[in-house]
Amino acid sequence: MRPGPRQREAGSTTAIVPFFGILVLVLLALAFQGGVLVAERRAQAAADLAALAGASAAQRGEDACGAASRMAALNAARIASCAVDGAGGREVVVSVERDGPVLWGREITVRASARGGPDPP
């Protein structure tokens, strides 16, 4: 007796389900890694802009770290450290933190640093 169509397909789901499970896990891992990469780029942009805003304020004789902090906040970041340095106090070095993606209820924090001011001699 020849096996019917249903008998030939018996057990095929057992082989397909693990494949799709692994595929979903790989796609989730790639999406998370992409989220971390985007957060790192945004943190670096916030650090660059904060350092430039601080250096610009220092050139005008204003509060450099206050200007850097305001610019970081506008870019959804917070200042972790700020230092006014260099000749005449016109160089600003900042470090910022920014919230990244959430994985299993745990939020990732990304950090970036930047320097703003005139070129060193």
PDB file of N, CA and C in Angstrom:
ATOM      1  N   MET A   1       0.832  -1.177   0.000  1.00  0.00           N
ATOM      2  CA  MET A   1       0.000   0.000   0.000  1.00  0.00           C
ATOM      3  C   MET A   1       0.880   1.245   0.000  1.00  0.00           C
ATOM      4  N   ARG A   2       0.498   2.200  -0.794  1.00  0.00           N
ATOM      5  CA  ARG A   2       1.246   3.462  -0.903  1.00  0.00           C
ATOM      6  C   ARG A   2       0.863   4.418   0.215  1.00  0.00           C
ATOM      7  N   PRO A   3       1.874   5.158   0.800  1.00  0.00           N
ATOM      8  CA  PRO A   3       1.517   6.109   1.844  1.00  0.00           C
ATOM      9  C   PRO A   3       0.786   7.310   1.254  1.00  0.00           C
ATOM     10  N   GLY A   4      -0.205   7.798   1.978  1.00  0.00           N
ATOM     11  CA  GLY A   4      -0.971   8.959   1.540  1.00  0.00           C
ATOM     12  C   GLY A   4      -0.179  10.249   1.760  1.00  0.00           C
ATOM     13  N   PRO A   5      -0.702  11.399   1.245  1.00  0.00           N
ATOM     14  CA  PRO A   5       0.010  12.658   1.380  1.00  0.00           C
ATOM     15  C   PRO A   5       0.255  13.061   2.828  1.00  0.00           C
ATOM     16  N   ARG A   6      -0.665  12.761   3.695  1.00  0.00           N
ATOM     17  CA  ARG A   6      -0.497  13.136   5.099  1.00  0.00           C
ATOM     18  C   ARG A   6       0.576  12.283   5.777  1.00  0.00           C
ATOM     19  N   GLN A   7       0.718  11.066   5.368  1.00  0.00           N
ATOM     20  CA  GLN A   7       1.720  10.198   5.977  1.00  0.00           C
ATOM     21  C   GLN A   7       3.134  10.610   5.569  1.00  0.00           C
ATOM     22  N   ARG A   8       3.321  11.117   4.367  1.00  0.00           N
ATOM     23  CA  ARG A   8       4.652  11.524   3.919  1.00  0.00           C
ATOM     24  C   ARG A   8       5.121  12.795   4.612  1.00  0.00           C
ATOM     25  N   GLU A   9       4.191  13.657   5.049  1.00  0.00           N
ATOM     26  CA  GLU A   9       4.550  14.930   5.675  1.00  0.00           C
ATOM     27  C   GLU A   9       4.639  14.830   7.194  1.00  0.00           C
ATOM     28  N   ALA A  10       4.385  13.690   7.728  1.00  0.00           N
ATOM     29  CA  ALA A  10       4.410  13.529   9.183  1.00  0.00           C
ATOM     30  C   ALA A  10       5.807  13.857   9.719  1.00  0.00           C
ATOM     31  N   GLY A  11       5.866  14.737  10.730  1.00  0.00           N
ATOM     32  CA  GLY A  11       7.143  15.088  11.351  1.00  0.00           C
ATOM     33  C   GLY A  11       7.847  16.271  10.729  1.00  0.00           C
ATOM     34  N   SER A  12       7.297  16.834   9.662  1.00  0.00           N
ATOM     35  CA  SER A  12       7.980  17.956   9.012  1.00  0.00           C
ATOM     36  C   SER A  12       7.991  19.198   9.891  1.00  0.00           C
ATOM     37  N   THR A  13       6.975  19.373  10.712  1.00  0.00           N
ATOM     38  CA  THR A  13       6.922  20.530  11.605  1.00  0.00           C
ATOM     39  C   THR A  13       8.044  20.459  12.632  1.00  0.00           C
ATOM     40  N   THR A  14       8.389  19.286  13.054  1.00  0.00           N
ATOM     41  CA  THR A  14       9.455  19.108  14.032  1.00  0.00           C
ATOM     42  C   THR A  14      10.776  19.667  13.511  1.00  0.00           C
ATOM     43  N   ALA A  15      11.012  19.593  12.239  1.00  0.00           N
ATOM     44  CA  ALA A  15      12.253  20.099  11.662  1.00  0.00           C
ATOM     45  C   ALA A  15      12.186  21.602  11.385  1.00  0.00           C
ATOM     46  N   ILE A  16      11.007  22.127  11.126  1.00  0.00           N
ATOM     47  CA  ILE A  16      10.865  23.540  10.758  1.00  0.00           C
ATOM     48  C   ILE A  16      10.848  24.460  11.975  1.00  0.00           C
ATOM     49  N   VAL A  17      10.206  24.068  13.049  1.00  0.00           N
ATOM     50  CA  VAL A  17      10.045  24.926  14.230  1.00  0.00           C
ATOM     51  C   VAL A  17      11.386  25.361  14.824  1.00  0.00           C
ATOM     52  N   PRO A  18      12.349  24.466  15.048  1.00  0.00           N
ATOM     53  CA  PRO A  18      13.640  24.934  15.585  1.00  0.00           C
ATOM     54  C   PRO A  18      14.339  25.915  14.648  1.00  0.00           C
ATOM     55  N   PHE A  19      14.215  25.699  13.348  1.00  0.00           N
ATOM     56  CA  PHE A  19      14.830  26.612  12.388  1.00  0.00           C
ATOM     57  C   PHE A  19      14.269  28.019  12.549  1.00  0.00           C
ATOM     58  N   PHE A  20      12.949  28.148  12.614  1.00  0.00           N
ATOM     59  CA  PHE A  20      12.334  29.465  12.764  1.00  0.00           C
ATOM     60  C   PHE A  20      12.632  30.072  14.136  1.00  0.00           C
ATOM     61  N   GLY A  21      12.742  29.241  15.145  1.00  0.00           N
ATOM     62  CA  GLY A  21      13.119  29.737  16.474  1.00  0.00           C
ATOM     63  C   GLY A  21      14.511  30.343  16.460  1.00  0.00           C
ATOM     64  N   ILE A  22      15.445  29.672  15.845  1.00  0.00           N
ATOM     65  CA  ILE A  22      16.814  30.190  15.737  1.00  0.00           C
ATOM     66  C   ILE A  22      16.837  31.447  14.877  1.00  0.00           C
ATOM     67  N   LEU A  23      16.075  31.467  13.807  1.00  0.00           N
ATOM     68  CA  LEU A  23      16.004  32.639  12.938  1.00  0.00           C
ATOM     69  C   LEU A  23      15.490  33.855  13.703  1.00  0.00           C
ATOM     70  N   VAL A  24      14.469  33.669  14.515  1.00  0.00           N
ATOM     71  CA  VAL A  24      13.925  34.776  15.314  1.00  0.00           C
ATOM     72  C   VAL A  24      14.968  35.276  16.305  1.00  0.00           C
ATOM     73  N   LEU A  25      15.689  34.378  16.960  1.00  0.00           N
ATOM     74  CA  LEU A  25      16.731  34.787  17.909  1.00  0.00           C
ATOM     75  C   LEU A  25      17.850  35.561  17.220  1.00  0.00           C
ATOM     76  N   VAL A  26      18.259  35.126  16.054  1.00  0.00           N
ATOM     77  CA  VAL A  26      19.304  35.837  15.309  1.00  0.00           C
ATOM     78  C   VAL A  26      18.829  37.237  14.913  1.00  0.00           C
ATOM     79  N   LEU A  27      17.595  37.344  14.442  1.00  0.00           N
ATOM     80  CA  LEU A  27      17.061  38.649  14.067  1.00  0.00           C
ATOM     81  C   LEU A  27      16.940  39.584  15.266  1.00  0.00           C
ATOM     82  N   LEU A  28      16.537  39.063  16.411  1.00  0.00           N
ATOM     83  CA  LEU A  28      16.471  39.880  17.626  1.00  0.00           C
ATOM     84  C   LEU A  28      17.856  40.352  18.053  1.00  0.00           C
ATOM     85  N   ALA A  29      18.852  39.485  17.968  1.00  0.00           N
ATOM     86  CA  ALA A  29      20.222  39.866  18.322  1.00  0.00           C
ATOM     87  C   ALA A  29      20.742  40.951  17.387  1.00  0.00           C
ATOM     88  N   LEU A  30      20.453  40.830  16.100  1.00  0.00           N
ATOM     89  CA  LEU A  30      20.882  41.853  15.143  1.00  0.00           C
ATOM     90  C   LEU A  30      20.183  43.183  15.392  1.00  0.00           C
ATOM     91  N   ALA A  31      18.918  43.135  15.722  1.00  0.00           N
ATOM     92  CA  ALA A  31      18.170  44.363  16.006  1.00  0.00           C
ATOM     93  C   ALA A  31      18.718  45.038  17.265  1.00  0.00           C
ATOM     94  N   PHE A  32      19.038  44.262  18.287  1.00  0.00           N
ATOM     95  CA  PHE A  32      19.599  44.829  19.513  1.00  0.00           C
ATOM     96  C   PHE A  32      20.955  45.453  19.227  1.00  0.00           C
ATOM     97  N   GLN A  33      21.800  44.748  18.481  1.00  0.00           N
ATOM     98  CA  GLN A  33      23.124  45.277  18.154  1.00  0.00           C
ATOM     99  C   GLN A  33      23.002  46.559  17.338  1.00  0.00           C
ATOM    100  N   GLY A  34      22.043  46.609  16.437  1.00  0.00           N
ATOM    101  CA  GLY A  34      21.800  47.823  15.664  1.00  0.00           C
ATOM    102  C   GLY A  34      21.356  48.964  16.557  1.00  0.00           C
ATOM    103  N   GLY A  35      20.526  48.664  17.557  1.00  0.00           N
ATOM    104  CA  GLY A  35      20.087  49.687  18.507  1.00  0.00           C
ATOM    105  C   GLY A  35      21.242  50.244  19.319  1.00  0.00           C
ATOM    106  N   VAL A  36      22.168  49.378  19.722  1.00  0.00           N
ATOM    107  CA  VAL A  36      23.344  49.830  20.464  1.00  0.00           C
ATOM    108  C   VAL A  36      24.217  50.709  19.571  1.00  0.00           C
ATOM    109  N   LEU A  37      24.393  50.317  18.338  1.00  0.00           N
ATOM    110  CA  LEU A  37      25.206  51.102  17.412  1.00  0.00           C
ATOM    111  C   LEU A  37      24.611  52.489  17.179  1.00  0.00           C
ATOM    112  N   VAL A  38      23.312  52.563  17.003  1.00  0.00           N
ATOM    113  CA  VAL A  38      22.640  53.850  16.817  1.00  0.00           C
ATOM    114  C   VAL A  38      22.804  54.717  18.065  1.00  0.00           C
ATOM    115  N   ALA A  39      22.634  54.109  19.240  1.00  0.00           N
ATOM    116  CA  ALA A  39      22.784  54.861  20.494  1.00  0.00           C
ATOM    117  C   ALA A  39      24.211  55.380  20.656  1.00  0.00           C
ATOM    118  N   GLU A  40      25.206  54.592  20.270  1.00  0.00           N
ATOM    119  CA  GLU A  40      26.601  55.044  20.348  1.00  0.00           C
ATOM    120  C   GLU A  40      26.845  56.226  19.422  1.00  0.00           C
ATOM    121  N   ARG A  41      26.309  56.164  18.219  1.00  0.00           N
ATOM    122  CA  ARG A  41      26.486  57.274  17.268  1.00  0.00           C
ATOM    123  C   ARG A  41      25.809  58.547  17.772  1.00  0.00           C
ATOM    124  N   ARG A  42      24.621  58.395  18.342  1.00  0.00           N
ATOM    125  CA  ARG A  42      23.907  59.557  18.874  1.00  0.00           C
ATOM    126  C   ARG A  42      24.626  60.135  20.090  1.00  0.00           C
ATOM    127  N   ALA A  43      25.209  59.285  20.916  1.00  0.00           N
ATOM    128  CA  ALA A  43      25.977  59.771  22.066  1.00  0.00           C
ATOM    129  C   ALA A  43      27.215  60.535  21.598  1.00  0.00           C
ATOM    130  N   GLN A  44      27.872  60.037  20.554  1.00  0.00           N
ATOM    131  CA  GLN A  44      29.052  60.738  20.043  1.00  0.00           C
ATOM    132  C   GLN A  44      28.665  62.081  19.448  1.00  0.00           C
ATOM    133  N   ALA A  45      27.549  62.127  18.745  1.00  0.00           N
ATOM    134  CA  ALA A  45      27.087  63.406  18.194  1.00  0.00           C
ATOM    135  C   ALA A  45      26.752  64.383  19.316  1.00  0.00           C
ATOM    136  N   ALA A  46      26.119  63.896  20.383  1.00  0.00           N
ATOM    137  CA  ALA A  46      25.797  64.760  21.523  1.00  0.00           C
ATOM    138  C   ALA A  46      27.070  65.271  22.185  1.00  0.00           C
ATOM    139  N   ALA A  47      28.080  64.415  22.308  1.00  0.00           N
ATOM    140  CA  ALA A  47      29.350  64.833  22.915  1.00  0.00           C
ATOM    141  C   ALA A  47      30.037  65.876  22.043  1.00  0.00           C
ATOM    142  N   ASP A  48      30.059  65.663  20.741  1.00  0.00           N
ATOM    143  CA  ASP A  48      30.687  66.629  19.830  1.00  0.00           C
ATOM    144  C   ASP A  48      30.001  67.989  19.915  1.00  0.00           C
ATOM    145  N   LEU A  49      28.680  67.986  19.857  1.00  0.00           N
ATOM    146  CA  LEU A  49      27.939  69.246  19.907  1.00  0.00           C
ATOM    147  C   LEU A  49      28.091  69.933  21.259  1.00  0.00           C
ATOM    148  N   ALA A  50      28.106  69.151  22.339  1.00  0.00           N
ATOM    149  CA  ALA A  50      28.272  69.734  23.675  1.00  0.00           C
ATOM    150  C   ALA A  50      29.653  70.364  23.822  1.00  0.00           C
ATOM    151  N   ALA A  51      30.672  69.699  23.313  1.00  0.00           N
ATOM    152  CA  ALA A  51      32.034  70.254  23.396  1.00  0.00           C
ATOM    153  C   ALA A  51      32.149  71.537  22.582  1.00  0.00           C
ATOM    154  N   LEU A  52      31.549  71.550  21.412  1.00  0.00           N
ATOM    155  CA  LEU A  52      31.596  72.766  20.590  1.00  0.00           C
ATOM    156  C   LEU A  52      30.815  73.905  21.233  1.00  0.00           C
ATOM    157  N   ALA A  53      29.661  73.589  21.817  1.00  0.00           N
ATOM    158  CA  ALA A  53      28.880  74.623  22.497  1.00  0.00           C
ATOM    159  C   ALA A  53      29.643  75.163  23.699  1.00  0.00           C
ATOM    160  N   GLY A  54      30.304  74.283  24.432  1.00  0.00           N
ATOM    161  CA  GLY A  54      31.106  74.708  25.573  1.00  0.00           C
ATOM    162  C   GLY A  54      32.289  75.566  25.159  1.00  0.00           C
ATOM    163  N   ALA A  55      32.959  75.169  24.086  1.00  0.00           N
ATOM    164  CA  ALA A  55      34.107  75.948  23.606  1.00  0.00           C
ATOM    165  C   ALA A  55      33.652  77.305  23.097  1.00  0.00           C
ATOM    166  N   SER A  56      32.529  77.358  22.435  1.00  0.00           N
ATOM    167  CA  SER A  56      31.997  78.629  21.949  1.00  0.00           C
ATOM    168  C   SER A  56      31.654  79.548  23.125  1.00  0.00           C
ATOM    169  N   ALA A  57      31.050  78.998  24.161  1.00  0.00           N
ATOM    170  CA  ALA A  57      30.726  79.783  25.355  1.00  0.00           C
ATOM    171  C   ALA A  57      31.994  80.252  26.046  1.00  0.00           C
ATOM    172  N   ALA A  58      33.003  79.400  26.094  1.00  0.00           N
ATOM    173  CA  ALA A  58      34.278  79.783  26.726  1.00  0.00           C
ATOM    174  C   ALA A  58      34.930  80.929  25.961  1.00  0.00           C
ATOM    175  N   GLN A  59      34.821  80.920  24.647  1.00  0.00           N
ATOM    176  CA  GLN A  59      35.378  82.005  23.827  1.00  0.00           C
ATOM    177  C   GLN A  59      34.712  83.334  24.174  1.00  0.00           C
ATOM    178  N   ARG A  60      33.430  83.299  24.503  1.00  0.00           N
ATOM    179  CA  ARG A  60      32.691  84.511  24.841  1.00  0.00           C
ATOM    180  C   ARG A  60      32.802  84.875  26.313  1.00  0.00           C
ATOM    181  N   GLY A  61      33.497  84.043  27.098  1.00  0.00           N
ATOM    182  CA  GLY A  61      33.654  84.306  28.523  1.00  0.00           C
ATOM    183  C   GLY A  61      32.466  83.857  29.360  1.00  0.00           C
ATOM    184  N   GLU A  62      31.639  82.977  28.827  1.00  0.00           N
ATOM    185  CA  GLU A  62      30.464  82.471  29.539  1.00  0.00           C
ATOM    186  C   GLU A  62      30.777  81.122  30.173  1.00  0.00           C
ATOM    187  N   ASP A  63      29.794  80.561  30.884  1.00  0.00           N
ATOM    188  CA  ASP A  63      29.932  79.264  31.541  1.00  0.00           C
ATOM    189  C   ASP A  63      29.976  78.149  30.496  1.00  0.00           C
ATOM    190  N   ALA A  64      31.157  77.599  30.283  1.00  0.00           N
ATOM    191  CA  ALA A  64      31.349  76.599  29.238  1.00  0.00           C
ATOM    192  C   ALA A  64      30.630  75.293  29.565  1.00  0.00           C
ATOM    193  N   CYS A  65      30.748  74.834  30.798  1.00  0.00           N
ATOM    194  CA  CYS A  65      30.122  73.554  31.160  1.00  0.00           C
ATOM    195  C   CYS A  65      28.600  73.669  31.196  1.00  0.00           C
ATOM    196  N   GLY A  66      28.090  74.835  31.547  1.00  0.00           N
ATOM    197  CA  GLY A  66      26.638  75.037  31.512  1.00  0.00           C
ATOM    198  C   GLY A  66      26.110  74.960  30.092  1.00  0.00           C
ATOM    199  N   ALA A  67      26.826  75.595  29.156  1.00  0.00           N
ATOM    200  CA  ALA A  67      26.423  75.539  27.745  1.00  0.00           C
ATOM    201  C   ALA A  67      26.524  74.113  27.210  1.00  0.00           C
ATOM    202  N   ALA A  68      27.579  73.401  27.600  1.00  0.00           N
ATOM    203  CA  ALA A  68      27.751  72.013  27.163  1.00  0.00           C
ATOM    204  C   ALA A  68      26.630  71.139  27.717  1.00  0.00           C
ATOM    205  N   SER A  69      26.258  71.372  28.962  1.00  0.00           N
ATOM    206  CA  SER A  69      25.195  70.591  29.580  1.00  0.00           C
ATOM    207  C   SER A  69      23.850  70.839  28.893  1.00  0.00           C
ATOM    208  N   ARG A  70      23.566  72.076  28.560  1.00  0.00           N
ATOM    209  CA  ARG A  70      22.310  72.384  27.869  1.00  0.00           C
ATOM    210  C   ARG A  70      22.272  71.734  26.487  1.00  0.00           C
ATOM    211  N   MET A  71      23.374  71.772  25.773  1.00  0.00           N
ATOM    212  CA  MET A  71      23.413  71.167  24.442  1.00  0.00           C
ATOM    213  C   MET A  71      23.286  69.643  24.533  1.00  0.00           C
ATOM    214  N   ALA A  72      23.914  69.042  25.530  1.00  0.00           N
ATOM    215  CA  ALA A  72      23.791  67.588  25.707  1.00  0.00           C
ATOM    216  C   ALA A  72      22.333  67.221  25.995  1.00  0.00           C
ATOM    217  N   ALA A  73      21.672  68.005  26.835  1.00  0.00           N
ATOM    218  CA  ALA A  73      20.270  67.730  27.171  1.00  0.00           C
ATOM    219  C   ALA A  73      19.381  67.848  25.932  1.00  0.00           C
ATOM    220  N   LEU A  74      19.683  68.792  25.056  1.00  0.00           N
ATOM    221  CA  LEU A  74      18.910  68.932  23.821  1.00  0.00           C
ATOM    222  C   LEU A  74      19.057  67.708  22.919  1.00  0.00           C
ATOM    223  N   ASN A  75      20.135  66.957  23.118  1.00  0.00           N
ATOM    224  CA  ASN A  75      20.388  65.754  22.326  1.00  0.00           C
ATOM    225  C   ASN A  75      20.163  64.481  23.133  1.00  0.00           C
ATOM    226  N   ALA A  76      19.305  64.571  24.159  1.00  0.00           N
ATOM    227  CA  ALA A  76      18.909  63.416  24.984  1.00  0.00           C
ATOM    228  C   ALA A  76      20.099  62.729  25.644  1.00  0.00           C
ATOM    229  N   ALA A  77      21.077  63.502  26.065  1.00  0.00           N
ATOM    230  CA  ALA A  77      22.243  62.959  26.764  1.00  0.00           C
ATOM    231  C   ALA A  77      22.461  63.776  28.035  1.00  0.00           C
ATOM    232  N   ARG A  78      23.318  63.272  28.884  1.00  0.00           N
ATOM    233  CA  ARG A  78      23.663  64.013  30.094  1.00  0.00           C
ATOM    234  C   ARG A  78      25.180  64.043  30.241  1.00  0.00           C
ATOM    235  N   ILE A  79      25.668  65.128  30.804  1.00  0.00           N
ATOM    236  CA  ILE A  79      27.109  65.308  30.983  1.00  0.00           C
ATOM    237  C   ILE A  79      27.587  64.419  32.123  1.00  0.00           C
ATOM    238  N   ALA A  80      28.567  63.590  31.859  1.00  0.00           N
ATOM    239  CA  ALA A  80      29.192  62.772  32.901  1.00  0.00           C
ATOM    240  C   ALA A  80      30.370  63.526  33.501  1.00  0.00           C
ATOM    241  N   SER A  81      31.093  64.259  32.650  1.00  0.00           N
ATOM    242  CA  SER A  81      32.196  65.099  33.134  1.00  0.00           C
ATOM    243  C   SER A  81      32.418  66.236  32.148  1.00  0.00           C
ATOM    244  N   CYS A  82      32.890  67.347  32.686  1.00  0.00           N
ATOM    245  CA  CYS A  82      33.184  68.513  31.857  1.00  0.00           C
ATOM    246  C   CYS A  82      34.391  69.210  32.460  1.00  0.00           C
ATOM    247  N   ALA A  83      35.352  69.536  31.638  1.00  0.00           N
ATOM    248  CA  ALA A  83      36.555  70.225  32.106  1.00  0.00           C
ATOM    249  C   ALA A  83      36.918  71.327  31.115  1.00  0.00           C
ATOM    250  N   VAL A  84      37.211  72.508  31.658  1.00  0.00           N
ATOM    251  CA  VAL A  84      37.687  73.624  30.848  1.00  0.00           C
ATOM    252  C   VAL A  84      39.189  73.648  31.018  1.00  0.00           C
ATOM    253  N   ASP A  85      39.890  73.604  29.907  1.00  0.00           N
ATOM    254  CA  ASP A  85      41.337  73.435  29.928  1.00  0.00           C
ATOM    255  C   ASP A  85      41.970  74.300  28.856  1.00  0.00           C
ATOM    256  N   GLY A  86      43.226  74.071  28.606  1.00  0.00           N
ATOM    257  CA  GLY A  86      43.919  74.710  27.495  1.00  0.00           C
ATOM    258  C   GLY A  86      44.357  76.126  27.804  1.00  0.00           C
ATOM    259  N   ALA A  87      45.008  76.733  26.818  1.00  0.00           N
ATOM    260  CA  ALA A  87      45.519  78.091  26.951  1.00  0.00           C
ATOM    261  C   ALA A  87      44.362  79.075  27.066  1.00  0.00           C
ATOM    262  N   GLY A  88      44.328  79.808  28.151  1.00  0.00           N
ATOM    263  CA  GLY A  88      43.275  80.799  28.339  1.00  0.00           C
ATOM    264  C   GLY A  88      41.926  80.199  28.683  1.00  0.00           C
ATOM    265  N   GLY A  89      41.862  78.909  29.013  1.00  0.00           N
ATOM    266  CA  GLY A  89      40.604  78.269  29.375  1.00  0.00           C
ATOM    267  C   GLY A  89      39.610  78.233  28.233  1.00  0.00           C
ATOM    268  N   ARG A  90      40.084  77.996  27.020  1.00  0.00           N
ATOM    269  CA  ARG A  90      39.186  77.989  25.856  1.00  0.00           C
ATOM    270  C   ARG A  90      38.944  76.599  25.298  1.00  0.00           C
ATOM    271  N   GLU A  91      39.510  75.586  25.912  1.00  0.00           N
ATOM    272  CA  GLU A  91      39.315  74.215  25.449  1.00  0.00           C
ATOM    273  C   GLU A  91      38.375  73.508  26.413  1.00  0.00           C
ATOM    274  N   VAL A  92      37.382  72.805  25.880  1.00  0.00           N
ATOM    275  CA  VAL A  92      36.405  72.102  26.698  1.00  0.00           C
ATOM    276  C   VAL A  92      36.436  70.619  26.338  1.00  0.00           C
ATOM    277  N   VAL A  93      36.568  69.782  27.365  1.00  0.00           N
ATOM    278  CA  VAL A  93      36.558  68.335  27.183  1.00  0.00           C
ATOM    279  C   VAL A  93      35.349  67.800  27.949  1.00  0.00           C
ATOM    280  N   VAL A  94      34.452  67.114  27.232  1.00  0.00           N
ATOM    281  CA  VAL A  94      33.234  66.590  27.858  1.00  0.00           C
ATOM    282  C   VAL A  94      33.128  65.092  27.650  1.00  0.00           C
ATOM    283  N   SER A  95      32.425  64.472  28.561  1.00  0.00           N
ATOM    284  CA  SER A  95      32.050  63.072  28.443  1.00  0.00           C
ATOM    285  C   SER A  95      30.554  63.022  28.706  1.00  0.00           C
ATOM    286  N   VAL A  96      29.815  62.358  27.828  1.00  0.00           N
ATOM    287  CA  VAL A  96      28.363  62.293  27.976  1.00  0.00           C
ATOM    288  C   VAL A  96      27.911  60.843  28.098  1.00  0.00           C
ATOM    289  N   GLU A  97      26.719  60.677  28.665  1.00  0.00           N
ATOM    290  CA  GLU A  97      26.065  59.380  28.752  1.00  0.00           C
ATOM    291  C   GLU A  97      24.694  59.500  28.111  1.00  0.00           C
ATOM    292  N   ARG A  98      24.275  58.411  27.495  1.00  0.00           N
ATOM    293  CA  ARG A  98      22.965  58.395  26.843  1.00  0.00           C
ATOM    294  C   ARG A  98      22.371  57.011  27.021  1.00  0.00           C
ATOM    295  N   ASP A  99      21.059  56.951  27.230  1.00  0.00           N
ATOM    296  CA  ASP A  99      20.393  55.662  27.382  1.00  0.00           C
ATOM    297  C   ASP A  99      20.296  54.970  26.030  1.00  0.00           C
ATOM    298  N   GLY A 100      20.591  53.690  26.057  1.00  0.00           N
ATOM    299  CA  GLY A 100      20.514  52.887  24.842  1.00  0.00           C
ATOM    300  C   GLY A 100      19.303  51.978  24.881  1.00  0.00           C
ATOM    301  N   PRO A 101      19.341  50.901  24.118  1.00  0.00           N
ATOM    302  CA  PRO A 101      18.202  49.986  24.073  1.00  0.00           C
ATOM    303  C   PRO A 101      18.059  49.189  25.373  1.00  0.00           C
ATOM    304  N   VAL A 102      16.885  48.602  25.545  1.00  0.00           N
ATOM    305  CA  VAL A 102      16.589  47.787  26.727  1.00  0.00           C
ATOM    306  C   VAL A 102      16.599  46.329  26.315  1.00  0.00           C
ATOM    307  N   LEU A 103      17.294  45.499  27.077  1.00  0.00           N
ATOM    308  CA  LEU A 103      17.341  44.068  26.809  1.00  0.00           C
ATOM    309  C   LEU A 103      16.952  43.339  28.082  1.00  0.00           C
ATOM    310  N   TRP A 104      15.863  42.598  28.032  1.00  0.00           N
ATOM    311  CA  TRP A 104      15.356  41.833  29.170  1.00  0.00           C
ATOM    312  C   TRP A 104      15.233  42.708  30.420  1.00  0.00           C
ATOM    313  N   GLY A 105      14.672  43.892  30.243  1.00  0.00           N
ATOM    314  CA  GLY A 105      14.433  44.788  31.366  1.00  0.00           C
ATOM    315  C   GLY A 105      15.662  45.526  31.859  1.00  0.00           C
ATOM    316  N   ARG A 106      16.786  45.354  31.197  1.00  0.00           N
ATOM    317  CA  ARG A 106      18.035  46.001  31.592  1.00  0.00           C
ATOM    318  C   ARG A 106      18.414  47.030  30.535  1.00  0.00           C
ATOM    319  N   GLU A 107      18.534  48.290  30.953  1.00  0.00           N
ATOM    320  CA  GLU A 107      18.837  49.351  30.006  1.00  0.00           C
ATOM    321  C   GLU A 107      20.356  49.500  29.847  1.00  0.00           C
ATOM    322  N   ILE A 108      20.774  49.669  28.624  1.00  0.00           N
ATOM    323  CA  ILE A 108      22.186  49.855  28.303  1.00  0.00           C
ATOM    324  C   ILE A 108      22.476  51.352  28.278  1.00  0.00           C
ATOM    325  N   THR A 109      23.568  51.775  28.896  1.00  0.00           N
ATOM    326  CA  THR A 109      23.998  53.169  28.863  1.00  0.00           C
ATOM    327  C   THR A 109      25.263  53.248  28.020  1.00  0.00           C
ATOM    328  N   VAL A 110      25.259  54.142  27.043  1.00  0.00           N
ATOM    329  CA  VAL A 110      26.436  54.323  26.190  1.00  0.00           C
ATOM    330  C   VAL A 110      27.116  55.647  26.558  1.00  0.00           C
ATOM    331  N   ARG A 111      28.426  55.693  26.362  1.00  0.00           N
ATOM    332  CA  ARG A 111      29.211  56.872  26.718  1.00  0.00           C
ATOM    333  C   ARG A 111      30.049  57.317  25.526  1.00  0.00           C
ATOM    334  N   ALA A 112      30.319  58.613  25.493  1.00  0.00           N
ATOM    335  CA  ALA A 112      31.179  59.168  24.439  1.00  0.00           C
ATOM    336  C   ALA A 112      31.864  60.410  24.993  1.00  0.00           C
ATOM    337  N   SER A 113      33.028  60.726  24.433  1.00  0.00           N
ATOM    338  CA  SER A 113      33.797  61.898  24.850  1.00  0.00           C
ATOM    339  C   SER A 113      34.164  62.723  23.626  1.00  0.00           C
ATOM    340  N   ALA A 114      34.382  64.011  23.868  1.00  0.00           N
ATOM    341  CA  ALA A 114      34.784  64.908  22.771  1.00  0.00           C
ATOM    342  C   ALA A 114      35.531  66.103  23.341  1.00  0.00           C
ATOM    343  N   ARG A 115      36.306  66.737  22.488  1.00  0.00           N
ATOM    344  CA  ARG A 115      37.054  67.931  22.834  1.00  0.00           C
ATOM    345  C   ARG A 115      36.666  69.032  21.872  1.00  0.00           C
ATOM    346  N   GLY A 116      36.470  70.242  22.391  1.00  0.00           N
ATOM    347  CA  GLY A 116      36.154  71.379  21.544  1.00  0.00           C
ATOM    348  C   GLY A 116      37.024  72.553  21.931  1.00  0.00           C
ATOM    349  N   GLY A 117      37.468  73.288  20.934  1.00  0.00           N
ATOM    350  CA  GLY A 117      38.304  74.456  21.204  1.00  0.00           C
ATOM    351  C   GLY A 117      39.259  74.693  20.057  1.00  0.00           C
ATOM    352  N   PRO A 118      40.124  75.700  20.216  1.00  0.00           N
ATOM    353  CA  PRO A 118      41.085  75.988  19.145  1.00  0.00           C
ATOM    354  C   PRO A 118      42.100  74.864  18.991  1.00  0.00           C
ATOM    355  N   ASP A 119      42.673  74.794  17.811  1.00  0.00           N
ATOM    356  CA  ASP A 119      43.718  73.779  17.570  1.00  0.00           C
ATOM    357  C   ASP A 119      44.911  74.069  18.471  1.00  0.00           C
ATOM    358  N   PRO A 120      45.515  73.008  19.015  1.00  0.00           N
ATOM    359  CA  PRO A 120      46.710  73.217  19.831  1.00  0.00           C
ATOM    360  C   PRO A 120      47.855  73.746  18.962  1.00  0.00           C
ATOM    361  N   PRO A 121      48.727  74.525  19.576  1.00  0.00           N
ATOM    362  CA  PRO A 121      49.849  75.076  18.783  1.00  0.00           C
ATOM    363  C   PRO A 121      50.812  74.024  18.314  1.00  0.00           C
TER     364      PRO A 121
END
